[in-house]
Amino acid sequence: WLDLIGGGLLFLGAFTRPVAVLLALEMVVAYITVAAPRGPWPISNGGTEVLLHAVVLAYIIAVGPGTWSVGKNSRR
């Protein structure tokens, strides 16, 4: 449910930074609990997609919503 609702909010640009923080934390927890016990390197433990999602969400946290977003924090 977090990915479905959070992805929709990110798509609309509503509450972009808080939602991105929540989803990035979810991805980090998923990596630690599922992929990291299989090995130290993401390429060998199957965690590359999860880490890619976490990096993209960290970028969204840093940049914030765009000009076409619905949220109040949009750049104009």
PDB file of N, CA and C in Angstrom:
ATOM      1  N   TRP A   1       0.811  -1.186   0.000  1.00  0.00           N
ATOM      2  CA  TRP A   1       0.000   0.000   0.000  1.00  0.00           C
ATOM      3  C   TRP A   1       0.859   1.256   0.000  1.00  0.00           C
ATOM      4  N   LEU A   2       1.993   1.185   0.660  1.00  0.00           N
ATOM      5  CA  LEU A   2       2.858   2.360   0.678  1.00  0.00           C
ATOM      6  C   LEU A   2       3.314   2.734  -0.725  1.00  0.00           C
ATOM      7  N   ASP A   3       3.695   1.735  -1.507  1.00  0.00           N
ATOM      8  CA  ASP A   3       4.167   2.018  -2.862  1.00  0.00           C
ATOM      9  C   ASP A   3       3.046   2.511  -3.757  1.00  0.00           C
ATOM     10  N   LEU A   4       1.871   1.959  -3.611  1.00  0.00           N
ATOM     11  CA  LEU A   4       0.752   2.360  -4.460  1.00  0.00           C
ATOM     12  C   LEU A   4       0.314   3.789  -4.164  1.00  0.00           C
ATOM     13  N   ILE A   5       0.047   4.074  -2.916  1.00  0.00           N
ATOM     14  CA  ILE A   5      -0.411   5.412  -2.536  1.00  0.00           C
ATOM     15  C   ILE A   5       0.734   6.416  -2.634  1.00  0.00           C
ATOM     16  N   GLY A   6       1.922   6.030  -2.166  1.00  0.00           N
ATOM     17  CA  GLY A   6       3.074   6.926  -2.237  1.00  0.00           C
ATOM     18  C   GLY A   6       3.473   7.233  -3.671  1.00  0.00           C
ATOM     19  N   GLY A   7       3.422   6.238  -4.545  1.00  0.00           N
ATOM     20  CA  GLY A   7       3.726   6.478  -5.951  1.00  0.00           C
ATOM     21  C   GLY A   7       2.743   7.426  -6.593  1.00  0.00           C
ATOM     22  N   GLY A   8       1.476   7.292  -6.246  1.00  0.00           N
ATOM     23  CA  GLY A   8       0.464   8.214  -6.764  1.00  0.00           C
ATOM     24  C   GLY A   8       0.689   9.634  -6.284  1.00  0.00           C
ATOM     25  N   LEU A   9       1.030   9.775  -5.008  1.00  0.00           N
ATOM     26  CA  LEU A   9       1.302  11.115  -4.478  1.00  0.00           C
ATOM     27  C   LEU A   9       2.548  11.723  -5.109  1.00  0.00           C
ATOM     28  N   LEU A  10       3.572  10.899  -5.331  1.00  0.00           N
ATOM     29  CA  LEU A  10       4.769  11.407  -6.002  1.00  0.00           C
ATOM     30  C   LEU A  10       4.462  11.816  -7.435  1.00  0.00           C
ATOM     31  N   PHE A  11       3.631  11.046  -8.100  1.00  0.00           N
ATOM     32  CA  PHE A  11       3.258  11.369  -9.474  1.00  0.00           C
ATOM     33  C   PHE A  11       2.533  12.709  -9.547  1.00  0.00           C
ATOM     34  N   LEU A  12       1.665  12.955  -8.587  1.00  0.00           N
ATOM     35  CA  LEU A  12       0.929  14.218  -8.554  1.00  0.00           C
ATOM     36  C   LEU A  12       1.775  15.377  -8.026  1.00  0.00           C
ATOM     37  N   GLY A  13       2.783  15.060  -7.243  1.00  0.00           N
ATOM     38  CA  GLY A  13       3.604  16.102  -6.652  1.00  0.00           C
ATOM     39  C   GLY A  13       3.046  16.620  -5.345  1.00  0.00           C
ATOM     40  N   ALA A  14       2.193  15.855  -4.707  1.00  0.00           N
ATOM     41  CA  ALA A  14       1.608  16.257  -3.433  1.00  0.00           C
ATOM     42  C   ALA A  14       2.410  15.620  -2.294  1.00  0.00           C
ATOM     43  N   PHE A  15       2.822  16.420  -1.326  1.00  0.00           N
ATOM     44  CA  PHE A  15       3.614  15.953  -0.181  1.00  0.00           C
ATOM     45  C   PHE A  15       4.858  15.201  -0.658  1.00  0.00           C
ATOM     46  N   THR A  16       5.563  15.771  -1.601  1.00  0.00           N
ATOM     47  CA  THR A  16       6.641  15.067  -2.279  1.00  0.00           C
ATOM     48  C   THR A  16       7.759  14.651  -1.343  1.00  0.00           C
ATOM     49  N   ARG A  17       8.297  15.573  -0.591  1.00  0.00           N
ATOM     50  CA  ARG A  17       9.443  15.230   0.256  1.00  0.00           C
ATOM     51  C   ARG A  17       9.088  14.258   1.377  1.00  0.00           C
ATOM     52  N   PRO A  18       8.006  14.455   2.135  1.00  0.00           N
ATOM     53  CA  PRO A  18       7.692  13.477   3.179  1.00  0.00           C
ATOM     54  C   PRO A  18       7.402  12.079   2.627  1.00  0.00           C
ATOM     55  N   VAL A  19       6.714  12.016   1.509  1.00  0.00           N
ATOM     56  CA  VAL A  19       6.410  10.714   0.912  1.00  0.00           C
ATOM     57  C   VAL A  19       7.691  10.055   0.416  1.00  0.00           C
ATOM     58  N   ALA A  20       8.582  10.836  -0.182  1.00  0.00           N
ATOM     59  CA  ALA A  20       9.837  10.277  -0.668  1.00  0.00           C
ATOM     60  C   ALA A  20      10.699   9.775   0.488  1.00  0.00           C
ATOM     61  N   VAL A  21      10.687  10.475   1.616  1.00  0.00           N
ATOM     62  CA  VAL A  21      11.433  10.001   2.794  1.00  0.00           C
ATOM     63  C   VAL A  21      10.867   8.669   3.275  1.00  0.00           C
ATOM     64  N   LEU A  22       9.556   8.575   3.356  1.00  0.00           N
ATOM     65  CA  LEU A  22       8.916   7.340   3.802  1.00  0.00           C
ATOM     66  C   LEU A  22       9.242   6.175   2.864  1.00  0.00           C
ATOM     67  N   LEU A  23       9.155   6.420   1.570  1.00  0.00           N
ATOM     68  CA  LEU A  23       9.420   5.356   0.603  1.00  0.00           C
ATOM     69  C   LEU A  23      10.904   4.988   0.558  1.00  0.00           C
ATOM     70  N   ALA A  24      11.793   5.969   0.727  1.00  0.00           N
ATOM     71  CA  ALA A  24      13.223   5.667   0.761  1.00  0.00           C
ATOM     72  C   ALA A  24      13.568   4.824   1.985  1.00  0.00           C
ATOM     73  N   LEU A  25      12.976   5.142   3.119  1.00  0.00           N
ATOM     74  CA  LEU A  25      13.195   4.326   4.315  1.00  0.00           C
ATOM     75  C   LEU A  25      12.660   2.913   4.120  1.00  0.00           C
ATOM     76  N   GLU A  26      11.545   2.802   3.438  1.00  0.00           N
ATOM     77  CA  GLU A  26      11.006   1.479   3.144  1.00  0.00           C
ATOM     78  C   GLU A  26      11.979   0.677   2.284  1.00  0.00           C
ATOM     79  N   MET A  27      12.589   1.315   1.301  1.00  0.00           N
ATOM     80  CA  MET A  27      13.533   0.627   0.424  1.00  0.00           C
ATOM     81  C   MET A  27      14.796   0.214   1.178  1.00  0.00           C
ATOM     82  N   VAL A  28      15.273   1.062   2.075  1.00  0.00           N
ATOM     83  CA  VAL A  28      16.457   0.721   2.860  1.00  0.00           C
ATOM     84  C   VAL A  28      16.172  -0.465   3.773  1.00  0.00           C
ATOM     85  N   VAL A  29      15.012  -0.457   4.406  1.00  0.00           N
ATOM     86  CA  VAL A  29      14.629  -1.585   5.270  1.00  0.00           C
ATOM     87  C   VAL A  29      14.476  -2.853   4.445  1.00  0.00           C
ATOM     88  N   ALA A  30      13.906  -2.741   3.259  1.00  0.00           N
ATOM     89  CA  ALA A  30      13.763  -3.909   2.388  1.00  0.00           C
ATOM     90  C   ALA A  30      15.121  -4.449   1.985  1.00  0.00           C
ATOM     91  N   TYR A  31      16.069  -3.577   1.685  1.00  0.00           N
ATOM     92  CA  TYR A  31      17.403  -4.037   1.315  1.00  0.00           C
ATOM     93  C   TYR A  31      18.089  -4.733   2.485  1.00  0.00           C
ATOM     94  N   ILE A  32      17.982  -4.133   3.661  1.00  0.00           N
ATOM     95  CA  ILE A  32      18.659  -4.699   4.837  1.00  0.00           C
ATOM     96  C   ILE A  32      18.063  -6.051   5.218  1.00  0.00           C
ATOM     97  N   THR A  33      16.749  -6.175   5.145  1.00  0.00           N
ATOM     98  CA  THR A  33      16.114  -7.408   5.605  1.00  0.00           C
ATOM     99  C   THR A  33      16.106  -8.521   4.562  1.00  0.00           C
ATOM    100  N   VAL A  34      16.079  -8.180   3.270  1.00  0.00           N
ATOM    101  CA  VAL A  34      15.944  -9.209   2.245  1.00  0.00           C
ATOM    102  C   VAL A  34      17.250  -9.465   1.515  1.00  0.00           C
ATOM    103  N   ALA A  35      17.884  -8.443   0.990  1.00  0.00           N
ATOM    104  CA  ALA A  35      19.029  -8.648   0.111  1.00  0.00           C
ATOM    105  C   ALA A  35      20.361  -8.726   0.854  1.00  0.00           C
ATOM    106  N   ALA A  36      20.565  -7.908   1.850  1.00  0.00           N
ATOM    107  CA  ALA A  36      21.861  -7.859   2.530  1.00  0.00           C
ATOM    108  C   ALA A  36      22.271  -9.182   3.171  1.00  0.00           C
ATOM    109  N   PRO A  37      21.367  -9.974   3.738  1.00  0.00           N
ATOM    110  CA  PRO A  37      21.813 -11.254   4.295  1.00  0.00           C
ATOM    111  C   PRO A  37      22.357 -12.239   3.250  1.00  0.00           C
ATOM    112  N   ARG A  38      22.049 -12.027   1.981  1.00  0.00           N
ATOM    113  CA  ARG A  38      22.525 -12.928   0.925  1.00  0.00           C
ATOM    114  C   ARG A  38      23.971 -12.670   0.537  1.00  0.00           C
ATOM    115  N   GLY A  39      24.504 -11.514   0.854  1.00  0.00           N
ATOM    116  CA  GLY A  39      25.877 -11.188   0.501  1.00  0.00           C
ATOM    117  C   GLY A  39      26.128  -9.700   0.586  1.00  0.00           C
ATOM    118  N   PRO A  40      27.411  -9.300   0.511  1.00  0.00           N
ATOM    119  CA  PRO A  40      27.736  -7.890   0.717  1.00  0.00           C
ATOM    120  C   PRO A  40      27.506  -6.989  -0.500  1.00  0.00           C
ATOM    121  N   TRP A  41      27.509  -7.538  -1.709  1.00  0.00           N
ATOM    122  CA  TRP A  41      27.442  -6.708  -2.909  1.00  0.00           C
ATOM    123  C   TRP A  41      26.070  -6.790  -3.564  1.00  0.00           C
ATOM    124  N   PRO A  42      25.486  -5.655  -3.930  1.00  0.00           N
ATOM    125  CA  PRO A  42      24.139  -5.642  -4.514  1.00  0.00           C
ATOM    126  C   PRO A  42      24.029  -6.444  -5.812  1.00  0.00           C
ATOM    127  N   ILE A  43      25.083  -6.490  -6.599  1.00  0.00           N
ATOM    128  CA  ILE A  43      25.015  -7.217  -7.862  1.00  0.00           C
ATOM    129  C   ILE A  43      24.902  -8.724  -7.627  1.00  0.00           C
ATOM    130  N   SER A  44      25.435  -9.204  -6.519  1.00  0.00           N
ATOM    131  CA  SER A  44      25.384 -10.637  -6.250  1.00  0.00           C
ATOM    132  C   SER A  44      24.224 -11.044  -5.345  1.00  0.00           C
ATOM    133  N   ASN A  45      23.674 -10.105  -4.576  1.00  0.00           N
ATOM    134  CA  ASN A  45      22.593 -10.481  -3.665  1.00  0.00           C
ATOM    135  C   ASN A  45      21.208 -10.115  -4.181  1.00  0.00           C
ATOM    136  N   GLY A  46      21.121  -9.532  -5.381  1.00  0.00           N
ATOM    137  CA  GLY A  46      19.827  -9.216  -5.968  1.00  0.00           C
ATOM    138  C   GLY A  46      19.187  -7.946  -5.449  1.00  0.00           C
ATOM    139  N   GLY A  47      19.968  -7.047  -4.897  1.00  0.00           N
ATOM    140  CA  GLY A  47      19.406  -5.832  -4.327  1.00  0.00           C
ATOM    141  C   GLY A  47      19.621  -4.587  -5.159  1.00  0.00           C
ATOM    142  N   THR A  48      19.997  -4.746  -6.429  1.00  0.00           N
ATOM    143  CA  THR A  48      20.290  -3.567  -7.241  1.00  0.00           C
ATOM    144  C   THR A  48      19.057  -2.700  -7.480  1.00  0.00           C
ATOM    145  N   GLU A  49      17.914  -3.313  -7.744  1.00  0.00           N
ATOM    146  CA  GLU A  49      16.705  -2.533  -8.000  1.00  0.00           C
ATOM    147  C   GLU A  49      16.265  -1.767  -6.765  1.00  0.00           C
ATOM    148  N   VAL A  50      16.392  -2.410  -5.619  1.00  0.00           N
ATOM    149  CA  VAL A  50      15.985  -1.764  -4.362  1.00  0.00           C
ATOM    150  C   VAL A  50      16.876  -0.559  -4.089  1.00  0.00           C
ATOM    151  N   LEU A  51      18.183  -0.718  -4.273  1.00  0.00           N
ATOM    152  CA  LEU A  51      19.079   0.414  -4.050  1.00  0.00           C
ATOM    153  C   LEU A  51      18.884   1.503  -5.090  1.00  0.00           C
ATOM    154  N   LEU A  52      18.556   1.135  -6.307  1.00  0.00           N
ATOM    155  CA  LEU A  52      18.270   2.137  -7.331  1.00  0.00           C
ATOM    156  C   LEU A  52      17.047   2.963  -6.946  1.00  0.00           C
ATOM    157  N   HIS A  53      16.022   2.314  -6.442  1.00  0.00           N
ATOM    158  CA  HIS A  53      14.831   3.035  -5.978  1.00  0.00           C
ATOM    159  C   HIS A  53      15.195   3.982  -4.832  1.00  0.00           C
ATOM    160  N   ALA A  54      16.027   3.514  -3.903  1.00  0.00           N
ATOM    161  CA  ALA A  54      16.414   4.352  -2.769  1.00  0.00           C
ATOM    162  C   ALA A  54      17.200   5.574  -3.230  1.00  0.00           C
ATOM    163  N   VAL A  55      18.078   5.406  -4.222  1.00  0.00           N
ATOM    164  CA  VAL A  55      18.863   6.538  -4.729  1.00  0.00           C
ATOM    165  C   VAL A  55      17.968   7.533  -5.459  1.00  0.00           C
ATOM    166  N   VAL A  56      17.042   7.044  -6.260  1.00  0.00           N
ATOM    167  CA  VAL A  56      16.125   7.941  -6.978  1.00  0.00           C
ATOM    168  C   VAL A  56      15.248   8.707  -5.985  1.00  0.00           C
ATOM    169  N   LEU A  57      14.798   8.032  -4.949  1.00  0.00           N
ATOM    170  CA  LEU A  57      13.991   8.714  -3.935  1.00  0.00           C
ATOM    171  C   LEU A  57      14.816   9.728  -3.155  1.00  0.00           C
ATOM    172  N   ALA A  58      16.094   9.439  -2.910  1.00  0.00           N
ATOM    173  CA  ALA A  58      16.969  10.417  -2.255  1.00  0.00           C
ATOM    174  C   ALA A  58      17.142  11.646  -3.138  1.00  0.00           C
ATOM    175  N   TYR A  59      17.208  11.447  -4.444  1.00  0.00           N
ATOM    176  CA  TYR A  59      17.273  12.577  -5.371  1.00  0.00           C
ATOM    177  C   TYR A  59      15.993  13.413  -5.305  1.00  0.00           C
ATOM    178  N   ILE A  60      14.859  12.746  -5.244  1.00  0.00           N
ATOM    179  CA  ILE A  60      13.587  13.460  -5.151  1.00  0.00           C
ATOM    180  C   ILE A  60      13.496  14.226  -3.835  1.00  0.00           C
ATOM    181  N   ILE A  61      14.039  13.662  -2.769  1.00  0.00           N
ATOM    182  CA  ILE A  61      14.065  14.369  -1.486  1.00  0.00           C
ATOM    183  C   ILE A  61      14.892  15.644  -1.611  1.00  0.00           C
ATOM    184  N   ALA A  62      16.043  15.552  -2.284  1.00  0.00           N
ATOM    185  CA  ALA A  62      16.931  16.704  -2.409  1.00  0.00           C
ATOM    186  C   ALA A  62      16.356  17.777  -3.326  1.00  0.00           C
ATOM    187  N   VAL A  63      15.745  17.369  -4.430  1.00  0.00           N
ATOM    188  CA  VAL A  63      15.259  18.327  -5.418  1.00  0.00           C
ATOM    189  C   VAL A  63      13.888  18.869  -5.058  1.00  0.00           C
ATOM    190  N   GLY A  64      13.019  18.023  -4.570  1.00  0.00           N
ATOM    191  CA  GLY A  64      11.668  18.447  -4.232  1.00  0.00           C
ATOM    192  C   GLY A  64      10.742  18.365  -5.424  1.00  0.00           C
ATOM    193  N   PRO A  65       9.540  18.869  -5.276  1.00  0.00           N
ATOM    194  CA  PRO A  65       8.561  18.804  -6.365  1.00  0.00           C
ATOM    195  C   PRO A  65       8.917  19.750  -7.502  1.00  0.00           C
ATOM    196  N   GLY A  66       8.451  19.427  -8.662  1.00  0.00           N
ATOM    197  CA  GLY A  66       8.710  20.260  -9.829  1.00  0.00           C
ATOM    198  C   GLY A  66       7.681  21.358 -10.000  1.00  0.00           C
ATOM    199  N   THR A  67       7.764  22.044 -11.107  1.00  0.00           N
ATOM    200  CA  THR A  67       6.875  23.169 -11.355  1.00  0.00           C
ATOM    201  C   THR A  67       5.449  22.732 -11.669  1.00  0.00           C
ATOM    202  N   TRP A  68       5.258  21.516 -12.128  1.00  0.00           N
ATOM    203  CA  TRP A  68       3.927  21.031 -12.489  1.00  0.00           C
ATOM    204  C   TRP A  68       3.232  20.312 -11.342  1.00  0.00           C
ATOM    205  N   SER A  69       3.808  20.354 -10.146  1.00  0.00           N
ATOM    206  CA  SER A  69       3.239  19.612  -9.029  1.00  0.00           C
ATOM    207  C   SER A  69       2.010  20.311  -8.456  1.00  0.00           C
ATOM    208  N   VAL A  70       1.253  19.552  -7.693  1.00  0.00           N
ATOM    209  CA  VAL A  70       0.053  20.071  -7.074  1.00  0.00           C
ATOM    210  C   VAL A  70       0.359  20.661  -5.703  1.00  0.00           C
ATOM    211  N   GLY A  71       1.488  20.290  -5.124  1.00  0.00           N
ATOM    212  CA  GLY A  71       1.827  20.705  -3.767  1.00  0.00           C
ATOM    213  C   GLY A  71       2.215  22.167  -3.653  1.00  0.00           C
ATOM    214  N   LYS A  72       2.240  22.650  -2.422  1.00  0.00           N
ATOM    215  CA  LYS A  72       2.555  24.046  -2.161  1.00  0.00           C
ATOM    216  C   LYS A  72       4.052  24.334  -2.282  1.00  0.00           C
ATOM    217  N   ASN A  73       4.903  23.306  -2.198  1.00  0.00           N
ATOM    218  CA  ASN A  73       6.336  23.502  -2.219  1.00  0.00           C
ATOM    219  C   ASN A  73       6.917  23.518  -3.621  1.00  0.00           C
ATOM    220  N   SER A  74       6.086  23.689  -4.609  1.00  0.00           N
ATOM    221  CA  SER A  74       6.593  23.646  -5.981  1.00  0.00           C
ATOM    222  C   SER A  74       7.399  24.890  -6.305  1.00  0.00           C
ATOM    223  N   ARG A  75       8.392  24.698  -7.170  1.00  0.00           N
ATOM    224  CA  ARG A  75       9.224  25.817  -7.602  1.00  0.00           C
ATOM    225  C   ARG A  75       8.506  26.578  -8.709  1.00  0.00           C
ATOM    226  N   ARG A  76       8.452  27.895  -8.596  1.00  0.00           N
ATOM    227  CA  ARG A  76       7.779  28.694  -9.630  1.00  0.00           C
ATOM    228  C   ARG A  76       8.670  29.821 -10.064  1.00  0.00           C
TER     229      ARG A  76
END
